[in-house]
Amino acid sequence: MLVDTGASVIAVSNTFISTLFVPPQLQRSSLPSIRTVSGEHLPVLGQATLTFTIGAQPYPFEVLVIDNLTYPVVLGRDFLMHFGSVIDLQGHTLTLAGHFSAPLCSSSLPTINNSSNHDPVTVYAFATYLHSTTHV
């Protein structure tokens, strides 16, 4: 999963959706495509509400399902702002809604000392919820 403050929306790859135990039924999205940082347009296949569980805390949110997305999940500004995220670059953590701080890792982070733990975080979607309302 990529935490991307430059992305305006949360997106999940169609490949990731297909791996879920019970893939959600996609609703039509008002956005036909999104533009990547490189200027490429990727088609939006639909939208669904997924619940991400991080540190035993559920975070339900409406996501865009994108074809050919580089990462399985991209946490964009809409998700990060909604859950009052605090990104601590010094401590390499992400805190959502004042709860559990998840460790951040990156291959580009310099190693400060050998005892630093930069294990990747795994996020599971245990359930899906569908909305009939559309968010723009």
Protein backbone atom coordinates (compact mmCIF):
# COMPACT_ATOMS: atom_id res chain seq x y z
CA MET A 1 0.00 0.00 0.00
CA LEU A 2 1.23 3.47 -0.85
CA VAL A 3 0.50 6.46 1.40
CA ASP A 4 0.38 9.28 -1.16
CA THR A 5 -0.42 12.82 -0.02
CA GLY A 6 -0.14 13.90 -3.66
CA ALA A 7 -3.03 11.65 -4.70
CA SER A 8 -6.38 13.37 -4.25
CA VAL A 9 -8.38 10.13 -3.92
CA ILE A 10 -7.99 6.65 -2.48
CA ALA A 11 -7.72 4.02 -5.17
CA VAL A 12 -7.40 0.25 -5.27
CA SER A 13 -6.30 -1.89 -8.17
CA ASN A 14 -8.71 -4.16 -9.94
CA THR A 15 -6.20 -6.95 -9.31
CA PHE A 16 -6.40 -6.32 -5.55
CA ILE A 17 -10.21 -6.33 -5.61
CA SER A 18 -10.21 -9.70 -7.38
CA THR A 19 -8.14 -11.25 -4.56
CA LEU A 20 -10.69 -10.43 -1.85
CA PHE A 21 -12.60 -13.36 -0.35
CA VAL A 22 -15.86 -11.67 -1.34
CA PRO A 23 -15.13 -9.07 -4.02
CA PRO A 24 -17.54 -6.13 -3.76
CA GLN A 25 -20.12 -5.30 -6.41
CA LEU A 26 -18.85 -2.16 -8.11
CA GLN A 27 -21.06 0.89 -8.35
CA ARG A 28 -20.78 3.30 -11.23
CA SER A 29 -18.33 6.15 -10.65
CA SER A 30 -18.88 9.73 -11.75
CA LEU A 31 -15.21 9.80 -12.80
CA PRO A 32 -14.43 7.98 -16.07
CA SER A 33 -10.67 8.07 -15.44
CA ILE A 34 -7.98 9.53 -13.21
CA ARG A 35 -4.77 11.24 -14.24
CA THR A 36 -1.54 9.96 -12.73
CA VAL A 37 1.39 12.12 -11.70
CA SER A 38 3.02 11.28 -15.04
CA GLY A 39 -0.06 12.56 -16.91
CA GLU A 40 -1.32 9.12 -17.91
CA HIS A 41 -5.09 8.54 -17.78
CA LEU A 42 -6.20 5.31 -16.10
CA PRO A 43 -9.80 4.08 -16.45
CA VAL A 44 -12.00 4.00 -13.35
CA LEU A 45 -13.88 0.70 -13.36
CA GLY A 46 -16.23 1.71 -10.55
CA GLN A 47 -16.39 2.49 -6.87
CA ALA A 48 -17.08 0.49 -3.73
CA THR A 49 -16.83 0.93 0.00
CA LEU A 50 -14.11 -1.15 1.61
CA THR A 51 -13.20 -1.39 5.27
CA PHE A 52 -9.46 -1.30 5.89
CA THR A 53 -8.43 -2.70 9.27
CA ILE A 54 -5.23 -1.21 10.62
CA GLY A 55 -4.14 -2.21 14.11
CA ALA A 56 -7.57 -3.77 14.82
CA GLN A 57 -9.27 -0.42 14.04
CA PRO A 58 -11.71 -0.46 11.07
CA TYR A 59 -11.62 2.39 8.54
CA PRO A 60 -14.52 2.13 6.07
CA PHE A 61 -14.16 4.35 3.02
CA GLU A 62 -15.41 4.63 -0.54
CA VAL A 63 -12.64 3.78 -3.00
CA LEU A 64 -12.16 4.04 -6.74
CA VAL A 65 -11.28 0.79 -8.49
CA ILE A 66 -8.67 1.43 -11.15
CA ASP A 67 -7.35 -0.76 -13.93
CA ASN A 68 -3.53 -0.98 -14.26
CA LEU A 69 -2.82 0.74 -10.92
CA THR A 70 0.84 0.31 -9.91
CA TYR A 71 0.09 -0.35 -6.21
CA PRO A 72 -2.64 -2.58 -4.76
CA VAL A 73 -3.88 0.34 -2.61
CA VAL A 74 -3.08 4.05 -2.79
CA LEU A 75 -4.20 5.97 0.31
CA GLY A 76 -4.92 9.44 -1.04
CA ARG A 77 -5.60 12.78 0.63
CA ASP A 78 -9.36 12.18 0.86
CA PHE A 79 -8.83 9.12 3.10
CA LEU A 80 -5.93 10.64 5.02
CA MET A 81 -7.80 13.88 5.78
CA HIS A 82 -11.07 12.14 6.64
CA PHE A 83 -9.36 10.04 9.31
CA GLY A 84 -7.22 12.90 10.63
CA SER A 85 -3.97 11.24 9.71
CA VAL A 86 -0.64 12.32 11.12
CA ILE A 87 2.39 11.30 9.11
CA ASP A 88 5.51 11.34 11.27
CA LEU A 89 8.45 11.20 8.87
CA GLN A 90 10.99 11.36 11.71
CA GLY A 91 9.38 8.42 13.53
CA HIS A 92 8.32 6.63 10.31
CA THR A 93 4.70 6.21 11.45
CA LEU A 94 1.18 6.90 10.20
CA THR A 95 -1.51 7.56 12.81
CA LEU A 96 -5.18 7.54 11.79
CA ALA A 97 -7.90 9.18 13.90
CA GLY A 98 -5.61 9.23 16.94
CA HIS A 99 -5.49 5.43 17.10
CA PHE A 100 -2.81 2.88 16.31
CA SER A 101 0.36 4.19 14.68
CA ALA A 102 1.33 2.01 11.73
CA PRO A 103 5.00 1.86 10.80
CA LEU A 104 5.92 3.34 7.43
CA CYS A 105 8.68 1.88 5.34
CA SER A 106 10.38 2.90 2.14
CA SER A 107 13.34 1.62 0.23
CA SER A 108 14.46 5.25 -0.08
CA LEU A 109 14.53 5.89 3.69
CA PRO A 110 18.03 6.16 5.07
CA THR A 111 18.84 3.77 7.90
CA ILE A 112 19.36 5.80 11.06
CA ASN A 113 20.54 2.82 13.09
CA ASN A 114 20.45 -0.93 12.75
CA SER A 115 17.70 -1.33 15.36
CA SER A 116 15.09 0.62 13.32
CA ASN A 117 12.14 -1.53 12.29
CA HIS A 118 10.85 -0.77 8.80
CA ASP A 119 8.68 -3.83 8.28
CA PRO A 120 5.95 -3.35 5.68
CA VAL A 121 2.36 -2.96 6.82
CA THR A 122 -0.25 -5.38 5.51
CA VAL A 123 -3.79 -4.05 5.20
CA TYR A 124 -6.71 -6.44 4.88
CA ALA A 125 -10.22 -5.61 3.74
CA PHE A 126 -12.41 -7.91 5.84
CA ALA A 127 -15.77 -6.62 4.66
CA THR A 128 -17.33 -4.41 2.07
CA TYR A 129 -20.22 -2.02 2.29
CA LEU A 130 -22.05 -0.60 -0.70
CA HIS A 131 -23.48 2.91 -0.94
CA SER A 132 -26.18 4.16 -3.25
CA THR A 133 -24.93 7.75 -2.88
CA THR A 134 -22.19 9.19 -5.07
CA HIS A 135 -19.27 11.27 -3.84
CA VAL A 136 -17.45 13.60 -6.19
